[in-house]
Amino acid sequence: MLNVVRLSLDNRLRLIDLDAAAKFSRHGGDYVCSKFSSAILPPECFAKLDAGQVTKFEAYFEGVGAELREKVAPKVDKRGASYVVKTFSLTEDGAPKRIDSLPYEPVEASVAVDYWSL
């Protein structure tokens, strides 16, 4: 529970570090994984990519900083299969950026996604 802290000012608990929070709704909400920690993501937030999809994925993230590029780079298993987090970039105003250019459908925010982080 690293996102719950007690402030000495009034000895009350506070939630912090919610910059990756997303809204969800039955009528369409935000997508998850623009910012992520892969340790707490549910299975639906991962994609297995073929060679063409890897090329499309790498083109989408072309031009981003080295740190982000390393974080989102496809992970290759010993059989040669490539796996990625279904992540995406945001525009300056916080909207998903060119999600139609991704080789997968982004994951909508839901209660099910939240359960995995408990």
PDB file of N, CA and C in Angstrom:
ATOM      1  N   MET A   1       0.839  -1.186   0.000  1.00  0.00           N
ATOM      2  CA  MET A   1       0.000   0.000   0.000  1.00  0.00           C
ATOM      3  C   MET A   1       0.882   1.247   0.000  1.00  0.00           C
ATOM      4  N   LEU A   2       1.712   1.376  -1.001  1.00  0.00           N
ATOM      5  CA  LEU A   2       2.612   2.518  -1.089  1.00  0.00           C
ATOM      6  C   LEU A   2       1.889   3.817  -1.456  1.00  0.00           C
ATOM      7  N   ASN A   3       0.643   3.719  -1.886  1.00  0.00           N
ATOM      8  CA  ASN A   3      -0.084   4.916  -2.284  1.00  0.00           C
ATOM      9  C   ASN A   3      -0.974   5.455  -1.173  1.00  0.00           C
ATOM     10  N   VAL A   4      -0.817   4.918   0.026  1.00  0.00           N
ATOM     11  CA  VAL A   4      -1.538   5.423   1.189  1.00  0.00           C
ATOM     12  C   VAL A   4      -0.495   5.896   2.192  1.00  0.00           C
ATOM     13  N   VAL A   5      -0.579   7.166   2.562  1.00  0.00           N
ATOM     14  CA  VAL A   5       0.359   7.722   3.531  1.00  0.00           C
ATOM     15  C   VAL A   5      -0.414   8.437   4.637  1.00  0.00           C
ATOM     16  N   ARG A   6       0.206   8.507   5.792  1.00  0.00           N
ATOM     17  CA  ARG A   6      -0.379   9.250   6.918  1.00  0.00           C
ATOM     18  C   ARG A   6       0.386  10.552   7.056  1.00  0.00           C
ATOM     19  N   LEU A   7      -0.317  11.661   7.024  1.00  0.00           N
ATOM     20  CA  LEU A   7       0.319  12.966   7.179  1.00  0.00           C
ATOM     21  C   LEU A   7       0.450  13.306   8.661  1.00  0.00           C
ATOM     22  N   SER A   8       1.629  13.749   9.025  1.00  0.00           N
ATOM     23  CA  SER A   8       1.854  14.100  10.426  1.00  0.00           C
ATOM     24  C   SER A   8       1.090  15.359  10.816  1.00  0.00           C
ATOM     25  N   LEU A   9       0.733  16.178   9.858  1.00  0.00           N
ATOM     26  CA  LEU A   9       0.006  17.421  10.121  1.00  0.00           C
ATOM     27  C   LEU A   9      -1.286  17.168  10.893  1.00  0.00           C
ATOM     28  N   ASP A  10      -2.094  16.191  10.428  1.00  0.00           N
ATOM     29  CA  ASP A  10      -3.367  15.915  11.103  1.00  0.00           C
ATOM     30  C   ASP A  10      -3.567  14.427  11.398  1.00  0.00           C
ATOM     31  N   ASN A  11      -2.533  13.615  11.146  1.00  0.00           N
ATOM     32  CA  ASN A  11      -2.559  12.178  11.422  1.00  0.00           C
ATOM     33  C   ASN A  11      -3.639  11.434  10.628  1.00  0.00           C
ATOM     34  N   ARG A  12      -4.034  11.973   9.467  1.00  0.00           N
ATOM     35  CA  ARG A  12      -5.045  11.331   8.629  1.00  0.00           C
ATOM     36  C   ARG A  12      -4.381  10.654   7.438  1.00  0.00           C
ATOM     37  N   LEU A  13      -5.032   9.608   6.933  1.00  0.00           N
ATOM     38  CA  LEU A  13      -4.529   8.883   5.760  1.00  0.00           C
ATOM     39  C   LEU A  13      -4.880   9.636   4.485  1.00  0.00           C
ATOM     40  N   ARG A  14      -3.973   9.586   3.526  1.00  0.00           N
ATOM     41  CA  ARG A  14      -4.189  10.235   2.224  1.00  0.00           C
ATOM     42  C   ARG A  14      -3.780   9.277   1.107  1.00  0.00           C
ATOM     43  N   LEU A  15      -4.506   9.306   0.000  1.00  0.00           N
ATOM     44  CA  LEU A  15      -4.110   8.594  -1.206  1.00  0.00           C
ATOM     45  C   LEU A  15      -3.208   9.509  -2.016  1.00  0.00           C
ATOM     46  N   ILE A  16      -2.118   8.957  -2.538  1.00  0.00           N
ATOM     47  CA  ILE A  16      -1.181   9.758  -3.329  1.00  0.00           C
ATOM     48  C   ILE A  16      -0.844   9.027  -4.622  1.00  0.00           C
ATOM     49  N   ASP A  17      -0.155   9.716  -5.514  1.00  0.00           N
ATOM     50  CA  ASP A  17       0.389   9.133  -6.731  1.00  0.00           C
ATOM     51  C   ASP A  17      -0.688   8.510  -7.610  1.00  0.00           C
ATOM     52  N   LEU A  18      -1.731   9.257  -7.879  1.00  0.00           N
ATOM     53  CA  LEU A  18      -2.842   8.761  -8.688  1.00  0.00           C
ATOM     54  C   LEU A  18      -2.796   9.306 -10.120  1.00  0.00           C
ATOM     55  N   ASP A  19      -1.611   9.660 -10.596  1.00  0.00           N
ATOM     56  CA  ASP A  19      -1.498  10.242 -11.930  1.00  0.00           C
ATOM     57  C   ASP A  19      -1.808   9.254 -13.052  1.00  0.00           C
ATOM     58  N   ALA A  20      -1.841   7.956 -12.760  1.00  0.00           N
ATOM     59  CA  ALA A  20      -2.197   6.970 -13.781  1.00  0.00           C
ATOM     60  C   ALA A  20      -3.663   6.548 -13.659  1.00  0.00           C
ATOM     61  N   ALA A  21      -4.423   7.221 -12.812  1.00  0.00           N
ATOM     62  CA  ALA A  21      -5.832   6.873 -12.627  1.00  0.00           C
ATOM     63  C   ALA A  21      -6.623   7.125 -13.915  1.00  0.00           C
ATOM     64  N   ALA A  22      -7.657   6.310 -14.117  1.00  0.00           N
ATOM     65  CA  ALA A  22      -8.498   6.439 -15.313  1.00  0.00           C
ATOM     66  C   ALA A  22      -9.962   6.308 -14.903  1.00  0.00           C
ATOM     67  N   LYS A  23     -10.840   7.021 -15.615  1.00  0.00           N
ATOM     68  CA  LYS A  23     -12.278   6.937 -15.362  1.00  0.00           C
ATOM     69  C   LYS A  23     -12.841   5.721 -16.081  1.00  0.00           C
ATOM     70  N   PHE A  24     -13.847   5.096 -15.473  1.00  0.00           N
ATOM     71  CA  PHE A  24     -14.541   4.044 -16.191  1.00  0.00           C
ATOM     72  C   PHE A  24     -16.035   4.237 -16.056  1.00  0.00           C
ATOM     73  N   SER A  25     -16.747   3.720 -17.061  1.00  0.00           N
ATOM     74  CA  SER A  25     -18.183   3.910 -17.138  1.00  0.00           C
ATOM     75  C   SER A  25     -18.766   2.825 -18.030  1.00  0.00           C
ATOM     76  N   ARG A  26     -20.037   2.537 -17.858  1.00  0.00           N
ATOM     77  CA  ARG A  26     -20.705   1.576 -18.741  1.00  0.00           C
ATOM     78  C   ARG A  26     -20.844   2.124 -20.156  1.00  0.00           C
ATOM     79  N   HIS A  27     -20.692   3.414 -20.316  1.00  0.00           N
ATOM     80  CA  HIS A  27     -20.870   4.060 -21.615  1.00  0.00           C
ATOM     81  C   HIS A  27     -19.540   4.469 -22.234  1.00  0.00           C
ATOM     82  N   GLY A  28     -18.482   3.819 -21.838  1.00  0.00           N
ATOM     83  CA  GLY A  28     -17.156   4.129 -22.383  1.00  0.00           C
ATOM     84  C   GLY A  28     -16.412   5.075 -21.475  1.00  0.00           C
ATOM     85  N   GLY A  29     -15.256   4.667 -21.074  1.00  0.00           N
ATOM     86  CA  GLY A  29     -14.442   5.487 -20.186  1.00  0.00           C
ATOM     87  C   GLY A  29     -13.080   5.706 -20.793  1.00  0.00           C
ATOM     88  N   ASP A  30     -12.108   5.878 -19.942  1.00  0.00           N
ATOM     89  CA  ASP A  30     -10.733   6.054 -20.389  1.00  0.00           C
ATOM     90  C   ASP A  30     -10.092   4.690 -20.637  1.00  0.00           C
ATOM     91  N   TYR A  31      -8.944   4.738 -21.263  1.00  0.00           N
ATOM     92  CA  TYR A  31      -8.141   3.532 -21.435  1.00  0.00           C
ATOM     93  C   TYR A  31      -7.080   3.491 -20.337  1.00  0.00           C
ATOM     94  N   VAL A  32      -6.646   2.284 -19.997  1.00  0.00           N
ATOM     95  CA  VAL A  32      -5.580   2.113 -19.016  1.00  0.00           C
ATOM     96  C   VAL A  32      -4.276   1.797 -19.729  1.00  0.00           C
ATOM     97  N   CYS A  33      -3.185   1.968 -19.035  1.00  0.00           N
ATOM     98  CA  CYS A  33      -1.836   1.593 -19.468  1.00  0.00           C
ATOM     99  C   CYS A  33      -1.066   2.680 -20.208  1.00  0.00           C
ATOM    100  N   SER A  34      -1.561   3.914 -20.240  1.00  0.00           N
ATOM    101  CA  SER A  34      -0.710   4.966 -20.799  1.00  0.00           C
ATOM    102  C   SER A  34       0.483   5.153 -19.872  1.00  0.00           C
ATOM    103  N   LYS A  35       0.248   4.890 -18.597  1.00  0.00           N
ATOM    104  CA  LYS A  35       1.288   4.882 -17.575  1.00  0.00           C
ATOM    105  C   LYS A  35       1.042   3.614 -16.768  1.00  0.00           C
ATOM    106  N   PHE A  36       2.088   2.845 -16.483  1.00  0.00           N
ATOM    107  CA  PHE A  36       1.828   1.552 -15.865  1.00  0.00           C
ATOM    108  C   PHE A  36       3.017   1.015 -15.080  1.00  0.00           C
ATOM    109  N   SER A  37       2.704   0.061 -14.223  1.00  0.00           N
ATOM    110  CA  SER A  37       3.693  -0.794 -13.582  1.00  0.00           C
ATOM    111  C   SER A  37       3.289  -2.211 -13.970  1.00  0.00           C
ATOM    112  N   SER A  38       4.093  -2.883 -14.760  1.00  0.00           N
ATOM    113  CA  SER A  38       3.702  -4.193 -15.282  1.00  0.00           C
ATOM    114  C   SER A  38       3.523  -5.243 -14.186  1.00  0.00           C
ATOM    115  N   ALA A  39       3.995  -4.981 -12.988  1.00  0.00           N
ATOM    116  CA  ALA A  39       3.863  -5.945 -11.901  1.00  0.00           C
ATOM    117  C   ALA A  39       2.420  -6.125 -11.450  1.00  0.00           C
ATOM    118  N   ILE A  40       1.555  -5.161 -11.701  1.00  0.00           N
ATOM    119  CA  ILE A  40       0.180  -5.243 -11.207  1.00  0.00           C
ATOM    120  C   ILE A  40      -0.864  -5.215 -12.313  1.00  0.00           C
ATOM    121  N   LEU A  41      -0.467  -5.456 -13.554  1.00  0.00           N
ATOM    122  CA  LEU A  41      -1.420  -5.424 -14.660  1.00  0.00           C
ATOM    123  C   LEU A  41      -2.098  -6.785 -14.845  1.00  0.00           C
ATOM    124  N   PRO A  42      -3.384  -6.779 -15.197  1.00  0.00           N
ATOM    125  CA  PRO A  42      -4.075  -8.040 -15.476  1.00  0.00           C
ATOM    126  C   PRO A  42      -3.670  -8.578 -16.853  1.00  0.00           C
ATOM    127  N   PRO A  43      -3.946  -9.852 -17.114  1.00  0.00           N
ATOM    128  CA  PRO A  43      -3.553 -10.461 -18.389  1.00  0.00           C
ATOM    129  C   PRO A  43      -4.056  -9.730 -19.630  1.00  0.00           C
ATOM    130  N   GLU A  44      -5.237  -9.134 -19.550  1.00  0.00           N
ATOM    131  CA  GLU A  44      -5.780  -8.461 -20.742  1.00  0.00           C
ATOM    132  C   GLU A  44      -4.997  -7.211 -21.146  1.00  0.00           C
ATOM    133  N   CYS A  45      -4.049  -6.790 -20.316  1.00  0.00           N
ATOM    134  CA  CYS A  45      -3.225  -5.622 -20.642  1.00  0.00           C
ATOM    135  C   CYS A  45      -1.927  -5.998 -21.357  1.00  0.00           C
ATOM    136  N   PHE A  46      -1.788  -7.254 -21.734  1.00  0.00           N
ATOM    137  CA  PHE A  46      -0.607  -7.718 -22.464  1.00  0.00           C
ATOM    138  C   PHE A  46      -1.021  -8.246 -23.825  1.00  0.00           C
ATOM    139  N   ALA A  47      -0.141  -8.091 -24.804  1.00  0.00           N
ATOM    140  CA  ALA A  47      -0.409  -8.598 -26.150  1.00  0.00           C
ATOM    141  C   ALA A  47       0.790  -9.379 -26.660  1.00  0.00           C
ATOM    142  N   LYS A  48       0.513 -10.465 -27.353  1.00  0.00           N
ATOM    143  CA  LYS A  48       1.553 -11.228 -28.048  1.00  0.00           C
ATOM    144  C   LYS A  48       1.541 -10.729 -29.494  1.00  0.00           C
ATOM    145  N   LEU A  49       2.693 -10.276 -29.974  1.00  0.00           N
ATOM    146  CA  LEU A  49       2.770  -9.669 -31.304  1.00  0.00           C
ATOM    147  C   LEU A  49       3.554 -10.545 -32.278  1.00  0.00           C
ATOM    148  N   ASP A  50       3.082 -10.560 -33.535  1.00  0.00           N
ATOM    149  CA  ASP A  50       3.871 -11.207 -34.582  1.00  0.00           C
ATOM    150  C   ASP A  50       4.863 -10.184 -35.127  1.00  0.00           C
ATOM    151  N   ALA A  51       5.706 -10.575 -36.069  1.00  0.00           N
ATOM    152  CA  ALA A  51       6.772  -9.684 -36.569  1.00  0.00           C
ATOM    153  C   ALA A  51       6.211  -8.386 -37.151  1.00  0.00           C
ATOM    154  N   GLY A  52       5.128  -8.469 -37.918  1.00  0.00           N
ATOM    155  CA  GLY A  52       4.521  -7.261 -38.496  1.00  0.00           C
ATOM    156  C   GLY A  52       3.965  -6.334 -37.436  1.00  0.00           C
ATOM    157  N   GLN A  53       3.372  -6.911 -36.411  1.00  0.00           N
ATOM    158  CA  GLN A  53       2.825  -6.105 -35.319  1.00  0.00           C
ATOM    159  C   GLN A  53       3.940  -5.456 -34.506  1.00  0.00           C
ATOM    160  N   VAL A  54       5.058  -6.145 -34.333  1.00  0.00           N
ATOM    161  CA  VAL A  54       6.207  -5.561 -33.621  1.00  0.00           C
ATOM    162  C   VAL A  54       6.695  -4.333 -34.381  1.00  0.00           C
ATOM    163  N   THR A  55       6.775  -4.432 -35.707  1.00  0.00           N
ATOM    164  CA  THR A  55       7.201  -3.294 -36.538  1.00  0.00           C
ATOM    165  C   THR A  55       6.248  -2.119 -36.358  1.00  0.00           C
ATOM    166  N   LYS A  56       4.950  -2.397 -36.364  1.00  0.00           N
ATOM    167  CA  LYS A  56       3.934  -1.348 -36.180  1.00  0.00           C
ATOM    168  C   LYS A  56       4.051  -0.723 -34.786  1.00  0.00           C
ATOM    169  N   PHE A  57       4.269  -1.555 -33.774  1.00  0.00           N
ATOM    170  CA  PHE A  57       4.422  -1.082 -32.401  1.00  0.00           C
ATOM    171  C   PHE A  57       5.640  -0.170 -32.281  1.00  0.00           C
ATOM    172  N   GLU A  58       6.763  -0.619 -32.822  1.00  0.00           N
ATOM    173  CA  GLU A  58       7.993   0.180 -32.754  1.00  0.00           C
ATOM    174  C   GLU A  58       7.858   1.492 -33.514  1.00  0.00           C
ATOM    175  N   ALA A  59       7.136   1.489 -34.636  1.00  0.00           N
ATOM    176  CA  ALA A  59       6.899   2.729 -35.386  1.00  0.00           C
ATOM    177  C   ALA A  59       6.059   3.702 -34.559  1.00  0.00           C
ATOM    178  N   TYR A  60       5.082   3.185 -33.824  1.00  0.00           N
ATOM    179  CA  TYR A  60       4.231   4.035 -32.986  1.00  0.00           C
ATOM    180  C   TYR A  60       5.061   4.774 -31.940  1.00  0.00           C
ATOM    181  N   PHE A  61       6.042   4.089 -31.349  1.00  0.00           N
ATOM    182  CA  PHE A  61       6.852   4.689 -30.288  1.00  0.00           C
ATOM    183  C   PHE A  61       8.160   5.288 -30.787  1.00  0.00           C
ATOM    184  N   GLU A  62       8.302   5.407 -32.084  1.00  0.00           N
ATOM    185  CA  GLU A  62       9.499   6.029 -32.644  1.00  0.00           C
ATOM    186  C   GLU A  62       9.569   7.493 -32.219  1.00  0.00           C
ATOM    187  N   GLY A  63      10.727   7.930 -31.807  1.00  0.00           N
ATOM    188  CA  GLY A  63      10.898   9.330 -31.436  1.00  0.00           C
ATOM    189  C   GLY A  63      10.636   9.638 -29.968  1.00  0.00           C
ATOM    190  N   VAL A  64      10.241   8.649 -29.172  1.00  0.00           N
ATOM    191  CA  VAL A  64      10.068   8.909 -27.737  1.00  0.00           C
ATOM    192  C   VAL A  64      11.423   8.801 -27.058  1.00  0.00           C
ATOM    193  N   GLY A  65      11.509   9.256 -25.842  1.00  0.00           N
ATOM    194  CA  GLY A  65      12.766   9.224 -25.101  1.00  0.00           C
ATOM    195  C   GLY A  65      13.257   7.808 -24.854  1.00  0.00           C
ATOM    196  N   ALA A  66      14.550   7.684 -24.607  1.00  0.00           N
ATOM    197  CA  ALA A  66      15.191   6.382 -24.426  1.00  0.00           C
ATOM    198  C   ALA A  66      14.599   5.606 -23.247  1.00  0.00           C
ATOM    199  N   GLU A  67      14.291   6.289 -22.157  1.00  0.00           N
ATOM    200  CA  GLU A  67      13.758   5.610 -20.979  1.00  0.00           C
ATOM    201  C   GLU A  67      12.401   4.976 -21.270  1.00  0.00           C
ATOM    202  N   LEU A  68      11.508   5.720 -21.910  1.00  0.00           N
ATOM    203  CA  LEU A  68      10.198   5.180 -22.263  1.00  0.00           C
ATOM    204  C   LEU A  68      10.332   4.063 -23.294  1.00  0.00           C
ATOM    205  N   ARG A  69      11.181   4.273 -24.268  1.00  0.00           N
ATOM    206  CA  ARG A  69      11.381   3.263 -25.311  1.00  0.00           C
ATOM    207  C   ARG A  69      11.850   1.935 -24.705  1.00  0.00           C
ATOM    208  N   GLU A  70      12.743   2.009 -23.724  1.00  0.00           N
ATOM    209  CA  GLU A  70      13.212   0.800 -23.055  1.00  0.00           C
ATOM    210  C   GLU A  70      12.092   0.150 -22.253  1.00  0.00           C
ATOM    211  N   LYS A  71      11.279   0.957 -21.589  1.00  0.00           N
ATOM    212  CA  LYS A  71      10.193   0.424 -20.766  1.00  0.00           C
ATOM    213  C   LYS A  71       9.147  -0.304 -21.608  1.00  0.00           C
ATOM    214  N   VAL A  72       8.803   0.234 -22.769  1.00  0.00           N
ATOM    215  CA  VAL A  72       7.737  -0.356 -23.578  1.00  0.00           C
ATOM    216  C   VAL A  72       8.242  -1.356 -24.613  1.00  0.00           C
ATOM    217  N   ALA A  73       9.548  -1.505 -24.735  1.00  0.00           N
ATOM    218  CA  ALA A  73      10.111  -2.401 -25.760  1.00  0.00           C
ATOM    219  C   ALA A  73       9.543  -3.810 -25.615  1.00  0.00           C
ATOM    220  N   PRO A  74       9.269  -4.476 -26.741  1.00  0.00           N
ATOM    221  CA  PRO A  74       8.777  -5.860 -26.677  1.00  0.00           C
ATOM    222  C   PRO A  74       9.742  -6.762 -25.920  1.00  0.00           C
ATOM    223  N   LYS A  75       9.178  -7.613 -25.088  1.00  0.00           N
ATOM    224  CA  LYS A  75       9.969  -8.618 -24.369  1.00  0.00           C
ATOM    225  C   LYS A  75       9.853  -9.911 -25.167  1.00  0.00           C
ATOM    226  N   VAL A  76      10.989 -10.528 -25.474  1.00  0.00           N
ATOM    227  CA  VAL A  76      11.014 -11.728 -26.313  1.00  0.00           C
ATOM    228  C   VAL A  76      11.334 -12.939 -25.445  1.00  0.00           C
ATOM    229  N   ASP A  77      10.488 -13.981 -25.527  1.00  0.00           N
ATOM    230  CA  ASP A  77      10.744 -15.187 -24.739  1.00  0.00           C
ATOM    231  C   ASP A  77      11.727 -16.101 -25.467  1.00  0.00           C
ATOM    232  N   LYS A  78      12.090 -17.209 -24.850  1.00  0.00           N
ATOM    233  CA  LYS A  78      13.123 -18.085 -25.409  1.00  0.00           C
ATOM    234  C   LYS A  78      12.696 -18.775 -26.704  1.00  0.00           C
ATOM    235  N   ARG A  79      11.405 -18.755 -27.009  1.00  0.00           N
ATOM    236  CA  ARG A  79      10.929 -19.310 -28.273  1.00  0.00           C
ATOM    237  C   ARG A  79      10.818 -18.248 -29.365  1.00  0.00           C
ATOM    238  N   GLY A  80      11.120 -17.001 -29.005  1.00  0.00           N
ATOM    239  CA  GLY A  80      11.092 -15.920 -29.982  1.00  0.00           C
ATOM    240  C   GLY A  80       9.790 -15.141 -30.058  1.00  0.00           C
ATOM    241  N   ALA A  81       8.831 -15.455 -29.196  1.00  0.00           N
ATOM    242  CA  ALA A  81       7.562 -14.723 -29.189  1.00  0.00           C
ATOM    243  C   ALA A  81       7.757 -13.369 -28.510  1.00  0.00           C
ATOM    244  N   SER A  82       7.121 -12.329 -29.052  1.00  0.00           N
ATOM    245  CA  SER A  82       7.233 -10.967 -28.514  1.00  0.00           C
ATOM    246  C   SER A  82       5.965 -10.591 -27.757  1.00  0.00           C
ATOM    247  N   TYR A  83       6.158 -10.011 -26.577  1.00  0.00           N
ATOM    248  CA  TYR A  83       5.048  -9.581 -25.731  1.00  0.00           C
ATOM    249  C   TYR A  83       5.244  -8.124 -25.338  1.00  0.00           C
ATOM    250  N   VAL A  84       4.127  -7.384 -25.292  1.00  0.00           N
ATOM    251  CA  VAL A  84       4.164  -5.979 -24.884  1.00  0.00           C
ATOM    252  C   VAL A  84       2.989  -5.680 -23.962  1.00  0.00           C
ATOM    253  N   VAL A  85       3.134  -4.610 -23.196  1.00  0.00           N
ATOM    254  CA  VAL A  85       2.001  -4.046 -22.464  1.00  0.00           C
ATOM    255  C   VAL A  85       1.204  -3.239 -23.480  1.00  0.00           C
ATOM    256  N   LYS A  86      -0.118  -3.330 -23.421  1.00  0.00           N
ATOM    257  CA  LYS A  86      -0.977  -2.590 -24.346  1.00  0.00           C
ATOM    258  C   LYS A  86      -1.004  -1.115 -23.942  1.00  0.00           C
ATOM    259  N   THR A  87       0.118  -0.475 -24.108  1.00  0.00           N
ATOM    260  CA  THR A  87       0.280   0.917 -23.730  1.00  0.00           C
ATOM    261  C   THR A  87       0.088   1.827 -24.937  1.00  0.00           C
ATOM    262  N   PHE A  88       0.071   3.120 -24.696  1.00  0.00           N
ATOM    263  CA  PHE A  88      -0.100   4.114 -25.750  1.00  0.00           C
ATOM    264  C   PHE A  88       0.383   5.458 -25.240  1.00  0.00           C
ATOM    265  N   SER A  89       0.579   6.383 -26.150  1.00  0.00           N
ATOM    266  CA  SER A  89       1.009   7.743 -25.783  1.00  0.00           C
ATOM    267  C   SER A  89      -0.197   8.653 -25.646  1.00  0.00           C
ATOM    268  N   LEU A  90       0.016   9.760 -24.950  1.00  0.00           N
ATOM    269  CA  LEU A  90      -1.023  10.784 -24.782  1.00  0.00           C
ATOM    270  C   LEU A  90      -0.602  12.069 -25.480  1.00  0.00           C
ATOM    271  N   THR A  91      -1.593  12.810 -25.956  1.00  0.00           N
ATOM    272  CA  THR A  91      -1.322  14.137 -26.505  1.00  0.00           C
ATOM    273  C   THR A  91      -1.064  15.089 -25.347  1.00  0.00           C
ATOM    274  N   GLU A  92      -0.684  16.303 -25.649  1.00  0.00           N
ATOM    275  CA  GLU A  92      -0.416  17.280 -24.583  1.00  0.00           C
ATOM    276  C   GLU A  92      -1.639  17.576 -23.727  1.00  0.00           C
ATOM    277  N   ASP A  93      -2.847  17.417 -24.295  1.00  0.00           N
ATOM    278  CA  ASP A  93      -4.057  17.660 -23.508  1.00  0.00           C
ATOM    279  C   ASP A  93      -4.582  16.389 -22.826  1.00  0.00           C
ATOM    280  N   GLY A  94      -3.801  15.290 -22.886  1.00  0.00           N
ATOM    281  CA  GLY A  94      -4.150  14.077 -22.158  1.00  0.00           C
ATOM    282  C   GLY A  94      -5.009  13.078 -22.903  1.00  0.00           C
ATOM    283  N   ALA A  95      -5.295  13.323 -24.173  1.00  0.00           N
ATOM    284  CA  ALA A  95      -6.101  12.383 -24.973  1.00  0.00           C
ATOM    285  C   ALA A  95      -5.198  11.295 -25.565  1.00  0.00           C
ATOM    286  N   PRO A  96      -5.738  10.091 -25.785  1.00  0.00           N
ATOM    287  CA  PRO A  96      -4.940   9.045 -26.435  1.00  0.00           C
ATOM    288  C   PRO A  96      -4.454   9.515 -27.806  1.00  0.00           C
ATOM    289  N   LYS A  97      -3.208   9.219 -28.103  1.00  0.00           N
ATOM    290  CA  LYS A  97      -2.572   9.689 -29.328  1.00  0.00           C
ATOM    291  C   LYS A  97      -2.544   8.576 -30.384  1.00  0.00           C
ATOM    292  N   ARG A  98      -3.211   8.784 -31.504  1.00  0.00           N
ATOM    293  CA  ARG A  98      -3.189   7.889 -32.673  1.00  0.00           C
ATOM    294  C   ARG A  98      -3.362   6.415 -32.314  1.00  0.00           C
ATOM    295  N   ILE A  99      -4.361   6.101 -31.495  1.00  0.00           N
ATOM    296  CA  ILE A  99      -4.512   4.707 -31.073  1.00  0.00           C
ATOM    297  C   ILE A  99      -4.857   3.780 -32.235  1.00  0.00           C
ATOM    298  N   ASP A 100      -5.342   4.327 -33.335  1.00  0.00           N
ATOM    299  CA  ASP A 100      -5.610   3.498 -34.510  1.00  0.00           C
ATOM    300  C   ASP A 100      -4.313   3.008 -35.157  1.00  0.00           C
ATOM    301  N   SER A 101      -3.173   3.560 -34.754  1.00  0.00           N
ATOM    302  CA  SER A 101      -1.864   3.141 -35.275  1.00  0.00           C
ATOM    303  C   SER A 101      -1.257   1.994 -34.468  1.00  0.00           C
ATOM    304  N   LEU A 102      -1.923   1.571 -33.411  1.00  0.00           N
ATOM    305  CA  LEU A 102      -1.407   0.493 -32.573  1.00  0.00           C
ATOM    306  C   LEU A 102      -1.776  -0.874 -33.156  1.00  0.00           C
ATOM    307  N   PRO A 103      -0.977  -1.900 -32.884  1.00  0.00           N
ATOM    308  CA  PRO A 103      -1.291  -3.241 -33.385  1.00  0.00           C
ATOM    309  C   PRO A 103      -2.257  -4.019 -32.485  1.00  0.00           C
ATOM    310  N   TYR A 104      -2.938  -3.347 -31.573  1.00  0.00           N
ATOM    311  CA  TYR A 104      -3.890  -3.965 -30.651  1.00  0.00           C
ATOM    312  C   TYR A 104      -4.910  -2.913 -30.243  1.00  0.00           C
ATOM    313  N   GLU A 105      -6.007  -3.372 -29.665  1.00  0.00           N
ATOM    314  CA  GLU A 105      -7.010  -2.465 -29.116  1.00  0.00           C
ATOM    315  C   GLU A 105      -6.597  -2.097 -27.695  1.00  0.00           C
ATOM    316  N   PRO A 106      -6.608  -0.811 -27.351  1.00  0.00           N
ATOM    317  CA  PRO A 106      -6.294  -0.451 -25.956  1.00  0.00           C
ATOM    318  C   PRO A 106      -7.359  -1.018 -25.011  1.00  0.00           C
ATOM    319  N   VAL A 107      -7.000  -1.146 -23.754  1.00  0.00           N
ATOM    320  CA  VAL A 107      -7.882  -1.730 -22.745  1.00  0.00           C
ATOM    321  C   VAL A 107      -8.637  -0.613 -22.033  1.00  0.00           C
ATOM    322  N   GLU A 108      -9.973  -0.737 -22.012  1.00  0.00           N
ATOM    323  CA  GLU A 108     -10.779   0.266 -21.307  1.00  0.00           C
ATOM    324  C   GLU A 108     -10.669   0.065 -19.803  1.00  0.00           C
ATOM    325  N   ALA A 109     -10.689   1.171 -19.094  1.00  0.00           N
ATOM    326  CA  ALA A 109     -10.656   1.127 -17.625  1.00  0.00           C
ATOM    327  C   ALA A 109     -11.886   0.380 -17.118  1.00  0.00           C
ATOM    328  N   SER A 110     -11.685  -0.433 -16.094  1.00  0.00           N
ATOM    329  CA  SER A 110     -12.792  -1.193 -15.513  1.00  0.00           C
ATOM    330  C   SER A 110     -12.447  -1.590 -14.084  1.00  0.00           C
ATOM    331  N   VAL A 111     -13.442  -2.017 -13.365  1.00  0.00           N
ATOM    332  CA  VAL A 111     -13.237  -2.499 -12.005  1.00  0.00           C
ATOM    333  C   VAL A 111     -12.326  -3.733 -12.045  1.00  0.00           C
ATOM    334  N   ALA A 112     -12.491  -4.579 -13.058  1.00  0.00           N
ATOM    335  CA  ALA A 112     -11.681  -5.801 -13.170  1.00  0.00           C
ATOM    336  C   ALA A 112     -10.194  -5.474 -13.226  1.00  0.00           C
ATOM    337  N   VAL A 113      -9.821  -4.422 -13.932  1.00  0.00           N
ATOM    338  CA  VAL A 113      -8.412  -4.022 -14.008  1.00  0.00           C
ATOM    339  C   VAL A 113      -7.920  -3.608 -12.626  1.00  0.00           C
ATOM    340  N   ASP A 114      -8.742  -2.885 -11.884  1.00  0.00           N
ATOM    341  CA  ASP A 114      -8.364  -2.434 -10.540  1.00  0.00           C
ATOM    342  C   ASP A 114      -8.125  -3.591  -9.577  1.00  0.00           C
ATOM    343  N   TYR A 115      -8.896  -4.654  -9.692  1.00  0.00           N
ATOM    344  CA  TYR A 115      -8.757  -5.791  -8.770  1.00  0.00           C
ATOM    345  C   TYR A 115      -7.355  -6.371  -8.796  1.00  0.00           C
ATOM    346  N   TRP A 116      -6.692  -6.321  -9.932  1.00  0.00           N
ATOM    347  CA  TRP A 116      -5.354  -6.896 -10.046  1.00  0.00           C
ATOM    348  C   TRP A 116      -4.320  -6.122  -9.243  1.00  0.00           C
ATOM    349  N   SER A 117      -4.595  -4.876  -8.904  1.00  0.00           N
ATOM    350  CA  SER A 117      -3.602  -4.085  -8.179  1.00  0.00           C
ATOM    351  C   SER A 117      -3.738  -4.210  -6.659  1.00  0.00           C
ATOM    352  N   LEU A 118      -4.722  -4.953  -6.211  1.00  0.00           N
ATOM    353  CA  LEU A 118      -4.911  -5.109  -4.762  1.00  0.00           C
ATOM    354  C   LEU A 118      -3.938  -6.100  -4.173  1.00  0.00           C
TER     355      LEU A 118
END
